[in-house]
Amino acid sequence: MSEQEIPSPCVGVCSIDDSNGFCQGCFRTIEEIRQWWDLDHAGKAEVIKLANARESAVFGE
């Protein structure tokens, strides 16, 4: 049984914030963005989890 593909979190706002190293649109690091298509399901899920945590920290949620 195959797992459902996790879509890229890219929202088309591709700009790395120099102060924290995260994309201002998806909150991934440049390395996470580069590796995205080579990651397995678990790796993509982990990147999404980290990006969500970064977004929450930035916006104080």
Protein backbone atom coordinates (compact mmCIF):
# COMPACT_ATOMS: atom_id res chain seq x y z
CA MET A 1 0.00 0.00 0.00
CA SER A 2 1.53 3.34 -1.02
CA GLU A 3 1.29 6.45 1.08
CA GLN A 4 -0.33 9.54 -0.38
CA GLU A 5 2.23 11.93 -1.86
CA ILE A 6 2.90 15.02 0.25
CA PRO A 7 2.71 18.11 -1.97
CA SER A 8 5.42 20.73 -1.85
CA PRO A 9 4.64 23.46 0.69
CA CYS A 10 5.89 26.12 -1.76
CA VAL A 11 3.47 29.03 -2.05
CA GLY A 12 5.43 30.92 -4.71
CA VAL A 13 6.95 33.47 -2.31
CA CYS A 14 10.51 32.30 -2.76
CA SER A 15 12.77 34.57 -0.74
CA ILE A 16 15.18 33.47 1.96
CA ASP A 17 15.11 35.72 5.04
CA ASP A 18 18.73 36.61 5.85
CA SER A 19 17.98 36.96 9.55
CA ASN A 20 16.78 33.37 10.07
CA GLY A 21 17.62 31.45 6.87
CA PHE A 22 14.01 30.41 6.19
CA CYS A 23 11.97 30.97 3.06
CA GLN A 24 9.48 33.75 3.76
CA GLY A 25 6.74 31.78 2.01
CA CYS A 26 7.10 28.18 3.19
CA PHE A 27 9.51 28.45 6.16
CA ARG A 28 11.86 25.80 4.80
CA THR A 29 15.64 26.21 4.74
CA ILE A 30 17.39 26.37 1.37
CA GLU A 31 18.73 22.87 2.00
CA GLU A 32 15.23 21.50 2.70
CA ILE A 33 14.00 23.13 -0.50
CA ARG A 34 16.86 21.61 -2.51
CA GLN A 35 16.30 18.13 -1.05
CA TRP A 36 12.48 18.11 -1.25
CA TRP A 37 12.06 15.91 -4.34
CA ASP A 38 14.59 13.37 -3.07
CA LEU A 39 12.98 12.94 0.36
CA ASP A 40 10.78 9.97 1.18
CA HIS A 41 7.33 10.37 2.74
CA ALA A 42 8.69 10.46 6.30
CA GLY A 43 11.34 13.01 5.37
CA LYS A 44 8.78 15.29 3.74
CA ALA A 45 6.47 14.97 6.74
CA GLU A 46 9.35 15.96 9.03
CA VAL A 47 10.17 19.02 6.91
CA ILE A 48 6.50 20.07 7.01
CA LYS A 49 6.47 19.65 10.80
CA LEU A 50 9.62 21.77 11.19
CA ALA A 51 8.37 24.45 8.79
CA ASN A 52 5.05 24.68 10.64
CA ALA A 53 6.89 25.08 13.96
CA ARG A 54 9.06 27.84 12.46
CA GLU A 55 6.02 29.65 11.11
CA SER A 56 4.34 29.45 14.51
CA ALA A 57 7.46 30.80 16.21
CA VAL A 58 7.71 33.72 13.78
CA PHE A 59 4.05 34.66 14.14
CA GLY A 60 3.82 33.80 17.84
CA GLU A 61 1.03 31.26 17.49
